[in-house]
Amino acid sequence: MSTTVRRLRWEDIKDLPESGASRTELVDGELVVSPTASSRHQRICTQLGLEIGLFLRTHKLGDLFSSPVHVVLDEHVHYEPDLCFVANGRRGLIGENYISGPPDLIVEVISESNRSHDTVVKFNDYQRYGVREYWLVDPRENHIRVFTLEGSTYQALGIFAPGDRVRSLIFAGLDLDPASVLIV
């Protein structure tokens, strides 16, 4: 007897109830559930959101979203990034309940429980689907890595430690010291 496993689609999970206890994502049609982020993880996300949000408020470049925000890259690939940004000219991606397509920026704070999920799996999918800039905030290594899409491949723009200033092609003029967000 043969068993066929069907790949899940966004349509299959979009109406599942939200849970503050977990993050639900689709990776190539497979449901991946992650536990709630640690308090440090959440503090970093909040502080980074505040810093970027102040910059956006001044420059009016687009919309910043924080988790849980649903980003549907295709019917079998759906993520809930920690932060994502959609530029003004691409607001058509923003639906009532999810973002349909690649945002301009995605920020993930690396969790020790799923380090390779952020640094390999999501990295490859965000690159493949055309997310223009990807930030990996690493609490263990105490730095922020910024990658920008050149053609169809991510190139490292830099690794920024406390005392540095984060460089971003999307947020030209942003003055962000990682020390202000990598709080203990």
N, C-alpha and C. Protein backbone atom coordinates (compact mmCIF):
# COMPACT_ATOMS: atom_id res chain seq x y z
N MET A 1 0.85 -1.17 0.00
CA MET A 1 0.00 0.00 0.00
C MET A 1 0.89 1.24 0.00
N SER A 2 0.54 2.19 -0.83
CA SER A 2 1.33 3.41 -0.92
C SER A 2 0.56 4.56 -0.26
N THR A 3 1.32 5.43 0.37
CA THR A 3 0.72 6.58 1.03
C THR A 3 1.20 7.84 0.33
N THR A 4 0.27 8.72 0.02
CA THR A 4 0.62 9.99 -0.60
C THR A 4 0.40 11.09 0.42
N VAL A 5 1.42 11.90 0.60
CA VAL A 5 1.32 13.04 1.50
C VAL A 5 1.13 14.29 0.65
N ARG A 6 0.08 15.02 0.94
CA ARG A 6 -0.21 16.23 0.19
C ARG A 6 0.46 17.42 0.85
N ARG A 7 1.11 18.25 0.04
CA ARG A 7 1.72 19.48 0.54
C ARG A 7 0.62 20.46 0.91
N LEU A 8 0.75 21.04 2.09
CA LEU A 8 -0.22 22.04 2.53
C LEU A 8 -0.03 23.33 1.75
N ARG A 9 -1.11 24.09 1.64
CA ARG A 9 -1.10 25.38 0.98
C ARG A 9 -1.56 26.44 1.97
N TRP A 10 -1.30 27.69 1.65
CA TRP A 10 -1.77 28.80 2.49
C TRP A 10 -3.27 28.68 2.70
N GLU A 11 -3.98 28.33 1.66
CA GLU A 11 -5.44 28.20 1.73
C GLU A 11 -5.86 27.20 2.80
N ASP A 12 -5.05 26.16 3.02
CA ASP A 12 -5.37 25.12 4.02
C ASP A 12 -5.22 25.61 5.45
N ILE A 13 -4.35 26.58 5.69
CA ILE A 13 -4.07 26.98 7.07
C ILE A 13 -4.49 28.40 7.42
N LYS A 14 -4.89 29.18 6.45
CA LYS A 14 -5.13 30.61 6.69
C LYS A 14 -6.21 30.89 7.72
N ASP A 15 -7.14 29.97 7.90
CA ASP A 15 -8.22 30.21 8.86
C ASP A 15 -8.01 29.52 10.20
N LEU A 16 -6.81 28.94 10.41
CA LEU A 16 -6.53 28.34 11.71
C LEU A 16 -6.54 29.46 12.75
N PRO A 17 -6.98 29.18 13.97
CA PRO A 17 -6.99 30.23 14.99
C PRO A 17 -5.57 30.66 15.34
N GLU A 18 -5.42 31.97 15.60
CA GLU A 18 -4.13 32.50 16.04
C GLU A 18 -3.82 31.96 17.42
N SER A 19 -2.54 31.70 17.67
CA SER A 19 -2.14 31.21 18.98
C SER A 19 -0.96 32.03 19.46
N GLY A 20 -1.10 32.63 20.63
CA GLY A 20 0.02 33.35 21.21
C GLY A 20 1.12 32.42 21.67
N ALA A 21 0.84 31.12 21.67
CA ALA A 21 1.80 30.14 22.16
C ALA A 21 2.72 29.61 21.07
N SER A 22 2.43 29.94 19.81
CA SER A 22 3.27 29.39 18.75
C SER A 22 3.22 30.24 17.50
N ARG A 23 4.20 30.01 16.65
CA ARG A 23 4.29 30.63 15.34
C ARG A 23 4.07 29.52 14.32
N THR A 24 3.16 29.73 13.38
CA THR A 24 2.82 28.71 12.40
C THR A 24 3.27 29.17 11.02
N GLU A 25 4.13 28.36 10.39
CA GLU A 25 4.67 28.71 9.08
C GLU A 25 4.57 27.51 8.15
N LEU A 26 4.59 27.78 6.84
CA LEU A 26 4.64 26.73 5.83
C LEU A 26 5.98 26.80 5.13
N VAL A 27 6.68 25.68 5.10
CA VAL A 27 7.96 25.61 4.42
C VAL A 27 7.83 24.51 3.37
N ASP A 28 7.71 24.92 2.12
CA ASP A 28 7.54 23.99 1.01
C ASP A 28 6.39 23.02 1.27
N GLY A 29 5.28 23.55 1.78
CA GLY A 29 4.09 22.75 2.01
C GLY A 29 4.06 21.99 3.32
N GLU A 30 5.10 22.09 4.13
CA GLU A 30 5.15 21.40 5.42
C GLU A 30 4.89 22.40 6.53
N LEU A 31 3.99 22.04 7.44
CA LEU A 31 3.64 22.90 8.57
C LEU A 31 4.76 22.87 9.61
N VAL A 32 5.26 24.05 9.98
CA VAL A 32 6.32 24.18 10.98
C VAL A 32 5.77 25.08 12.09
N VAL A 33 5.75 24.54 13.32
CA VAL A 33 5.24 25.29 14.46
C VAL A 33 6.40 25.52 15.42
N SER A 34 6.60 26.78 15.79
CA SER A 34 7.69 27.15 16.69
C SER A 34 7.11 27.70 17.99
N PRO A 35 7.81 27.49 19.09
CA PRO A 35 7.32 28.00 20.38
C PRO A 35 7.38 29.52 20.44
N THR A 36 6.71 30.08 21.41
CA THR A 36 6.76 31.52 21.64
C THR A 36 8.20 31.95 21.88
N ALA A 37 8.53 33.12 21.37
CA ALA A 37 9.89 33.64 21.52
C ALA A 37 10.18 33.99 22.98
N SER A 38 11.47 33.95 23.32
CA SER A 38 11.90 34.30 24.68
C SER A 38 11.64 35.77 24.95
N SER A 39 11.70 36.15 26.21
CA SER A 39 11.48 37.56 26.56
C SER A 39 12.56 38.45 25.95
N ARG A 40 13.82 37.98 25.90
CA ARG A 40 14.88 38.79 25.28
C ARG A 40 14.61 38.97 23.79
N HIS A 41 14.22 37.90 23.14
CA HIS A 41 13.87 37.96 21.72
C HIS A 41 12.79 39.02 21.49
N GLN A 42 11.77 38.99 22.32
CA GLN A 42 10.66 39.93 22.18
C GLN A 42 11.10 41.36 22.47
N ARG A 43 11.97 41.55 23.47
CA ARG A 43 12.47 42.90 23.76
C ARG A 43 13.27 43.44 22.59
N ILE A 44 14.10 42.59 21.98
CA ILE A 44 14.89 43.02 20.82
C ILE A 44 13.96 43.42 19.67
N CYS A 45 12.95 42.61 19.41
CA CYS A 45 11.98 42.93 18.34
C CYS A 45 11.28 44.25 18.61
N THR A 46 10.86 44.43 19.84
CA THR A 46 10.15 45.67 20.20
C THR A 46 11.05 46.88 20.01
N GLN A 47 12.28 46.80 20.53
CA GLN A 47 13.19 47.93 20.43
C GLN A 47 13.56 48.23 18.98
N LEU A 48 13.82 47.20 18.20
CA LEU A 48 14.15 47.39 16.79
C LEU A 48 12.96 47.99 16.03
N GLY A 49 11.76 47.52 16.36
CA GLY A 49 10.56 48.09 15.75
C GLY A 49 10.40 49.57 16.07
N LEU A 50 10.70 49.93 17.32
CA LEU A 50 10.62 51.34 17.72
C LEU A 50 11.65 52.19 16.96
N GLU A 51 12.88 51.68 16.87
CA GLU A 51 13.95 52.43 16.18
C GLU A 51 13.62 52.63 14.70
N ILE A 52 13.24 51.55 14.03
CA ILE A 52 12.91 51.65 12.60
C ILE A 52 11.63 52.47 12.43
N GLY A 53 10.68 52.26 13.33
CA GLY A 53 9.42 52.99 13.26
C GLY A 53 9.61 54.50 13.34
N LEU A 54 10.51 54.95 14.21
CA LEU A 54 10.80 56.39 14.31
C LEU A 54 11.39 56.92 13.01
N PHE A 55 12.29 56.15 12.42
CA PHE A 55 12.89 56.54 11.14
C PHE A 55 11.80 56.64 10.07
N LEU A 56 10.91 55.65 10.02
CA LEU A 56 9.84 55.64 9.02
C LEU A 56 8.84 56.76 9.24
N ARG A 57 8.58 57.08 10.49
CA ARG A 57 7.64 58.16 10.80
C ARG A 57 8.17 59.48 10.24
N THR A 58 9.47 59.68 10.34
CA THR A 58 10.08 60.90 9.83
C THR A 58 10.15 60.92 8.31
N HIS A 59 10.51 59.78 7.70
CA HIS A 59 10.75 59.75 6.26
C HIS A 59 9.58 59.24 5.42
N LYS A 60 8.55 58.69 6.06
CA LYS A 60 7.33 58.24 5.39
C LYS A 60 7.63 57.37 4.16
N LEU A 61 8.38 56.28 4.40
CA LEU A 61 8.80 55.40 3.31
C LEU A 61 7.85 54.24 3.05
N GLY A 62 7.03 53.88 4.04
CA GLY A 62 6.15 52.73 3.88
C GLY A 62 5.68 52.24 5.22
N ASP A 63 5.31 50.95 5.27
CA ASP A 63 4.69 50.36 6.45
C ASP A 63 5.56 49.27 7.06
N LEU A 64 5.68 49.31 8.39
CA LEU A 64 6.43 48.31 9.15
C LEU A 64 5.43 47.43 9.90
N PHE A 65 5.64 46.12 9.85
CA PHE A 65 4.77 45.16 10.52
C PHE A 65 5.61 44.30 11.45
N SER A 66 5.00 43.89 12.57
CA SER A 66 5.68 42.99 13.50
C SER A 66 4.87 41.71 13.65
N SER A 67 5.52 40.69 14.17
CA SER A 67 4.90 39.38 14.34
C SER A 67 3.74 39.47 15.31
N PRO A 68 2.63 38.80 15.08
CA PRO A 68 2.43 37.92 13.94
C PRO A 68 1.89 38.66 12.72
N VAL A 69 2.69 38.68 11.67
CA VAL A 69 2.25 39.16 10.37
C VAL A 69 2.49 38.00 9.41
N HIS A 70 1.52 37.71 8.61
CA HIS A 70 1.62 36.59 7.67
C HIS A 70 2.17 37.09 6.34
N VAL A 71 3.25 36.47 5.88
CA VAL A 71 3.84 36.78 4.59
C VAL A 71 3.72 35.53 3.73
N VAL A 72 2.90 35.62 2.69
CA VAL A 72 2.65 34.48 1.80
C VAL A 72 3.49 34.69 0.54
N LEU A 73 4.53 33.86 0.39
CA LEU A 73 5.43 33.99 -0.76
C LEU A 73 4.96 33.18 -1.95
N ASP A 74 4.33 32.05 -1.71
CA ASP A 74 3.57 31.31 -2.71
C ASP A 74 2.62 30.39 -1.96
N GLU A 75 1.85 29.62 -2.65
CA GLU A 75 0.81 28.84 -1.96
C GLU A 75 1.38 27.83 -0.97
N HIS A 76 2.64 27.46 -1.10
CA HIS A 76 3.26 26.47 -0.21
C HIS A 76 4.31 27.07 0.73
N VAL A 77 4.52 28.38 0.66
CA VAL A 77 5.55 29.02 1.48
C VAL A 77 4.96 30.24 2.17
N HIS A 78 4.90 30.17 3.49
CA HIS A 78 4.31 31.23 4.32
C HIS A 78 5.15 31.36 5.59
N TYR A 79 5.52 32.59 5.92
CA TYR A 79 6.30 32.84 7.12
C TYR A 79 5.66 33.93 7.96
N GLU A 80 6.06 33.97 9.23
CA GLU A 80 5.68 35.03 10.16
C GLU A 80 6.97 35.66 10.68
N PRO A 81 7.55 36.59 9.90
CA PRO A 81 8.81 37.19 10.33
C PRO A 81 8.62 38.08 11.56
N ASP A 82 9.73 38.32 12.25
CA ASP A 82 9.67 39.19 13.42
C ASP A 82 9.27 40.61 13.03
N LEU A 83 9.87 41.13 11.96
CA LEU A 83 9.52 42.45 11.42
C LEU A 83 9.58 42.37 9.90
N CYS A 84 8.72 43.13 9.25
CA CYS A 84 8.86 43.28 7.80
C CYS A 84 8.38 44.66 7.39
N PHE A 85 8.90 45.12 6.28
CA PHE A 85 8.63 46.46 5.77
C PHE A 85 8.21 46.36 4.32
N VAL A 86 7.15 47.12 3.99
CA VAL A 86 6.67 47.22 2.61
C VAL A 86 6.72 48.70 2.23
N ALA A 87 7.46 49.01 1.16
CA ALA A 87 7.61 50.39 0.70
C ALA A 87 6.30 50.92 0.13
N ASN A 88 6.17 52.23 0.15
CA ASN A 88 4.95 52.88 -0.32
C ASN A 88 4.50 52.40 -1.69
N GLY A 89 5.41 52.29 -2.62
CA GLY A 89 5.06 51.92 -3.99
C GLY A 89 4.60 50.48 -4.14
N ARG A 90 4.68 49.69 -3.07
CA ARG A 90 4.32 48.27 -3.14
C ARG A 90 3.19 47.93 -2.17
N ARG A 91 2.45 48.93 -1.75
CA ARG A 91 1.37 48.71 -0.77
C ARG A 91 0.30 47.75 -1.27
N GLY A 92 0.24 47.51 -2.57
CA GLY A 92 -0.73 46.56 -3.12
C GLY A 92 -0.53 45.15 -2.59
N LEU A 93 0.65 44.86 -2.03
CA LEU A 93 0.91 43.54 -1.44
C LEU A 93 0.17 43.34 -0.13
N ILE A 94 -0.22 44.43 0.50
CA ILE A 94 -0.79 44.37 1.84
C ILE A 94 -2.29 44.11 1.76
N GLY A 95 -2.68 42.94 2.25
CA GLY A 95 -4.09 42.60 2.32
C GLY A 95 -4.61 42.82 3.73
N GLU A 96 -5.87 42.49 3.94
CA GLU A 96 -6.48 42.65 5.25
C GLU A 96 -5.82 41.76 6.30
N ASN A 97 -5.46 40.52 5.90
CA ASN A 97 -4.95 39.54 6.87
C ASN A 97 -3.54 39.04 6.59
N TYR A 98 -2.96 39.43 5.49
CA TYR A 98 -1.61 38.96 5.17
C TYR A 98 -0.99 39.80 4.08
N ILE A 99 0.32 39.65 3.92
CA ILE A 99 1.07 40.29 2.86
C ILE A 99 1.29 39.22 1.79
N SER A 100 0.90 39.55 0.58
CA SER A 100 0.95 38.59 -0.52
C SER A 100 2.13 38.92 -1.44
N GLY A 101 3.26 38.30 -1.17
CA GLY A 101 4.46 38.55 -1.95
C GLY A 101 5.60 38.99 -1.06
N PRO A 102 6.76 39.18 -1.65
CA PRO A 102 7.94 39.51 -0.85
C PRO A 102 7.96 40.96 -0.40
N PRO A 103 8.05 41.19 0.92
CA PRO A 103 8.24 42.56 1.42
C PRO A 103 9.61 43.07 0.97
N ASP A 104 9.83 44.36 1.17
CA ASP A 104 11.12 44.95 0.82
C ASP A 104 12.20 44.57 1.82
N LEU A 105 11.80 44.40 3.09
CA LEU A 105 12.74 44.04 4.15
C LEU A 105 12.08 43.03 5.07
N ILE A 106 12.85 42.03 5.45
CA ILE A 106 12.43 41.12 6.52
C ILE A 106 13.56 41.08 7.54
N VAL A 107 13.17 41.15 8.83
CA VAL A 107 14.11 41.06 9.95
C VAL A 107 13.72 39.83 10.77
N GLU A 108 14.69 38.97 11.02
CA GLU A 108 14.50 37.83 11.91
C GLU A 108 15.52 37.93 13.04
N VAL A 109 15.04 37.79 14.26
CA VAL A 109 15.90 37.67 15.43
C VAL A 109 16.13 36.18 15.61
N ILE A 110 17.37 35.75 15.54
CA ILE A 110 17.68 34.31 15.57
C ILE A 110 17.38 33.74 16.95
N SER A 111 16.63 32.65 16.95
CA SER A 111 16.34 31.91 18.18
C SER A 111 17.24 30.69 18.21
N GLU A 112 17.80 30.39 19.37
CA GLU A 112 18.67 29.23 19.49
C GLU A 112 17.94 27.92 19.16
N SER A 113 16.65 27.88 19.44
CA SER A 113 15.89 26.65 19.22
C SER A 113 15.70 26.33 17.73
N ASN A 114 15.84 27.34 16.86
CA ASN A 114 15.68 27.07 15.42
C ASN A 114 16.63 27.93 14.59
N ARG A 115 17.87 28.00 15.02
CA ARG A 115 18.90 28.82 14.39
C ARG A 115 19.01 28.57 12.89
N SER A 116 19.07 27.30 12.47
CA SER A 116 19.23 27.00 11.04
C SER A 116 17.98 27.35 10.24
N HIS A 117 16.83 27.38 10.89
CA HIS A 117 15.59 27.75 10.20
C HIS A 117 15.70 29.20 9.71
N ASP A 118 16.23 30.10 10.55
CA ASP A 118 16.39 31.51 10.17
C ASP A 118 17.57 31.73 9.23
N THR A 119 18.70 31.05 9.51
CA THR A 119 19.94 31.34 8.79
C THR A 119 20.10 30.56 7.49
N VAL A 120 19.35 29.48 7.33
CA VAL A 120 19.47 28.68 6.10
C VAL A 120 18.14 28.62 5.35
N VAL A 121 17.12 28.05 5.98
CA VAL A 121 15.84 27.82 5.29
C VAL A 121 15.20 29.14 4.88
N LYS A 122 14.99 30.03 5.84
CA LYS A 122 14.36 31.31 5.52
C LYS A 122 15.26 32.15 4.62
N PHE A 123 16.55 32.16 4.91
CA PHE A 123 17.51 32.89 4.08
C PHE A 123 17.32 32.49 2.62
N ASN A 124 17.32 31.19 2.34
CA ASN A 124 17.18 30.71 0.96
C ASN A 124 15.83 31.07 0.35
N ASP A 125 14.75 30.94 1.13
CA ASP A 125 13.42 31.28 0.60
C ASP A 125 13.27 32.79 0.37
N TYR A 126 13.74 33.60 1.30
CA TYR A 126 13.63 35.04 1.11
C TYR A 126 14.43 35.49 -0.11
N GLN A 127 15.59 34.89 -0.30
CA GLN A 127 16.40 35.17 -1.47
C GLN A 127 15.67 34.72 -2.74
N ARG A 128 15.15 33.50 -2.74
CA ARG A 128 14.49 32.92 -3.91
C ARG A 128 13.26 33.72 -4.32
N TYR A 129 12.50 34.23 -3.35
CA TYR A 129 11.26 34.94 -3.66
C TYR A 129 11.45 36.45 -3.81
N GLY A 130 12.67 36.95 -3.62
CA GLY A 130 12.96 38.35 -3.95
C GLY A 130 12.77 39.37 -2.85
N VAL A 131 12.97 38.99 -1.59
CA VAL A 131 12.96 39.98 -0.51
C VAL A 131 14.24 40.81 -0.67
N ARG A 132 14.09 42.11 -0.87
CA ARG A 132 15.23 42.96 -1.23
C ARG A 132 16.33 43.03 -0.17
N GLU A 133 15.94 43.00 1.10
CA GLU A 133 16.94 43.09 2.15
C GLU A 133 16.52 42.19 3.30
N TYR A 134 17.50 41.47 3.86
CA TYR A 134 17.24 40.53 4.96
C TYR A 134 18.23 40.82 6.07
N TRP A 135 17.69 41.07 7.28
CA TRP A 135 18.53 41.31 8.45
C TRP A 135 18.42 40.11 9.38
N LEU A 136 19.55 39.61 9.81
CA LEU A 136 19.61 38.56 10.83
C LEU A 136 20.20 39.18 12.10
N VAL A 137 19.36 39.30 13.10
CA VAL A 137 19.78 39.85 14.39
C VAL A 137 20.17 38.66 15.26
N ASP A 138 21.42 38.63 15.69
CA ASP A 138 21.96 37.47 16.39
C ASP A 138 22.29 37.82 17.84
N PRO A 139 21.38 37.52 18.78
CA PRO A 139 21.64 37.83 20.19
C PRO A 139 22.86 37.09 20.75
N ARG A 140 23.11 35.87 20.31
CA ARG A 140 24.25 35.11 20.82
C ARG A 140 25.57 35.73 20.38
N GLU A 141 25.66 36.11 19.12
CA GLU A 141 26.90 36.69 18.58
C GLU A 141 26.95 38.20 18.78
N ASN A 142 25.83 38.79 19.22
CA ASN A 142 25.74 40.21 19.52
C ASN A 142 26.03 41.09 18.31
N HIS A 143 25.38 40.77 17.19
CA HIS A 143 25.52 41.60 16.00
C HIS A 143 24.28 41.47 15.10
N ILE A 144 24.24 42.34 14.08
CA ILE A 144 23.20 42.31 13.05
C ILE A 144 23.90 42.14 11.72
N ARG A 145 23.49 41.11 10.96
CA ARG A 145 24.01 40.90 9.61
C ARG A 145 22.96 41.39 8.62
N VAL A 146 23.39 42.17 7.64
CA VAL A 146 22.50 42.72 6.64
C VAL A 146 22.89 42.15 5.27
N PHE A 147 21.89 41.61 4.58
CA PHE A 147 22.07 41.06 3.24
C PHE A 147 21.17 41.81 2.27
N THR A 148 21.70 42.13 1.10
CA THR A 148 20.90 42.79 0.07
C THR A 148 20.87 41.93 -1.18
N LEU A 149 19.75 41.99 -1.86
CA LEU A 149 19.57 41.19 -3.06
C LEU A 149 20.21 41.89 -4.25
N GLU A 150 21.15 41.21 -4.88
CA GLU A 150 21.77 41.71 -6.12
C GLU A 150 21.47 40.67 -7.17
N GLY A 151 20.61 41.03 -8.12
CA GLY A 151 20.11 40.03 -9.07
C GLY A 151 19.21 39.08 -8.31
N SER A 152 19.61 37.83 -8.26
CA SER A 152 18.81 36.84 -7.53
C SER A 152 19.58 36.24 -6.35
N THR A 153 20.66 36.92 -5.93
CA THR A 153 21.52 36.38 -4.88
C THR A 153 21.76 37.43 -3.79
N TYR A 154 21.70 36.98 -2.52
CA TYR A 154 22.02 37.87 -1.43
C TYR A 154 23.53 38.09 -1.35
N GLN A 155 23.89 39.35 -1.13
CA GLN A 155 25.26 39.74 -0.88
C GLN A 155 25.30 40.36 0.52
N ALA A 156 26.35 40.04 1.27
CA ALA A 156 26.49 40.61 2.61
C ALA A 156 26.84 42.09 2.50
N LEU A 157 26.02 42.93 3.12
CA LEU A 157 26.30 44.36 3.16
C LEU A 157 27.19 44.67 4.36
N GLY A 158 27.07 43.82 5.40
CA GLY A 158 27.94 44.01 6.55
C GLY A 158 27.45 43.27 7.78
N ILE A 159 28.38 43.15 8.73
CA ILE A 159 28.08 42.62 10.06
C ILE A 159 28.32 43.77 11.02
N PHE A 160 27.28 44.14 11.76
CA PHE A 160 27.33 45.34 12.57
C PHE A 160 27.19 44.99 14.05
N ALA A 161 28.21 45.34 14.81
CA ALA A 161 28.27 45.06 16.25
C ALA A 161 27.99 46.36 17.01
N PRO A 162 27.75 46.26 18.33
CA PRO A 162 27.56 47.47 19.13
C PRO A 162 28.69 48.47 18.90
N GLY A 163 28.32 49.73 18.71
CA GLY A 163 29.28 50.78 18.40
C GLY A 163 29.33 51.10 16.92
N ASP A 164 28.93 50.14 16.06
CA ASP A 164 28.85 50.37 14.62
C ASP A 164 27.54 51.09 14.29
N ARG A 165 27.38 51.44 13.05
CA ARG A 165 26.12 51.96 12.53
C ARG A 165 25.65 51.00 11.44
N VAL A 166 24.43 50.48 11.60
CA VAL A 166 23.87 49.55 10.62
C VAL A 166 23.70 50.27 9.29
N ARG A 167 24.17 49.65 8.23
CA ARG A 167 23.97 50.17 6.87
C ARG A 167 22.81 49.42 6.24
N SER A 168 21.99 50.15 5.51
CA SER A 168 20.85 49.57 4.81
C SER A 168 20.65 50.32 3.51
N LEU A 169 20.44 49.58 2.43
CA LEU A 169 20.15 50.23 1.16
C LEU A 169 18.71 50.72 1.12
N ILE A 170 17.84 50.05 1.84
CA ILE A 170 16.42 50.42 1.86
C ILE A 170 16.19 51.64 2.74
N PHE A 171 16.92 51.73 3.85
CA PHE A 171 16.76 52.84 4.80
C PHE A 171 18.01 53.71 4.78
N ALA A 172 18.30 54.35 3.64
CA ALA A 172 19.45 55.23 3.55
C ALA A 172 19.31 56.34 4.58
N GLY A 173 20.36 56.54 5.36
CA GLY A 173 20.34 57.58 6.38
C GLY A 173 19.92 57.08 7.76
N LEU A 174 19.55 55.81 7.88
CA LEU A 174 19.20 55.25 9.18
C LEU A 174 20.42 55.31 10.08
N ASP A 175 20.24 55.79 11.30
CA ASP A 175 21.33 55.87 12.27
C ASP A 175 21.01 54.90 13.41
N LEU A 176 21.42 53.65 13.26
CA LEU A 176 21.08 52.61 14.22
C LEU A 176 22.34 51.92 14.73
N ASP A 177 22.57 52.06 16.03
CA ASP A 177 23.66 51.35 16.70
C ASP A 177 23.06 50.06 17.25
N PRO A 178 23.60 48.89 16.87
CA PRO A 178 23.06 47.63 17.39
C PRO A 178 22.97 47.57 18.92
N ALA A 179 23.80 48.35 19.61
CA ALA A 179 23.75 48.35 21.08
C ALA A 179 22.38 48.80 21.58
N SER A 180 21.68 49.61 20.81
CA SER A 180 20.38 50.11 21.24
C SER A 180 19.28 49.05 21.14
N VAL A 181 19.53 47.98 20.40
CA VAL A 181 18.50 46.94 20.25
C VAL A 181 18.92 45.60 20.82
N LEU A 182 20.21 45.32 20.89
CA LEU A 182 20.70 44.04 21.42
C LEU A 182 20.78 44.10 22.94
N ILE A 183 19.66 44.36 23.54
CA ILE A 183 19.59 44.54 24.99
C ILE A 183 19.58 43.17 25.70
N VAL A 184 20.14 43.17 26.89
CA VAL A 184 20.22 41.92 27.65
C VAL A 184 18.96 41.71 28.46
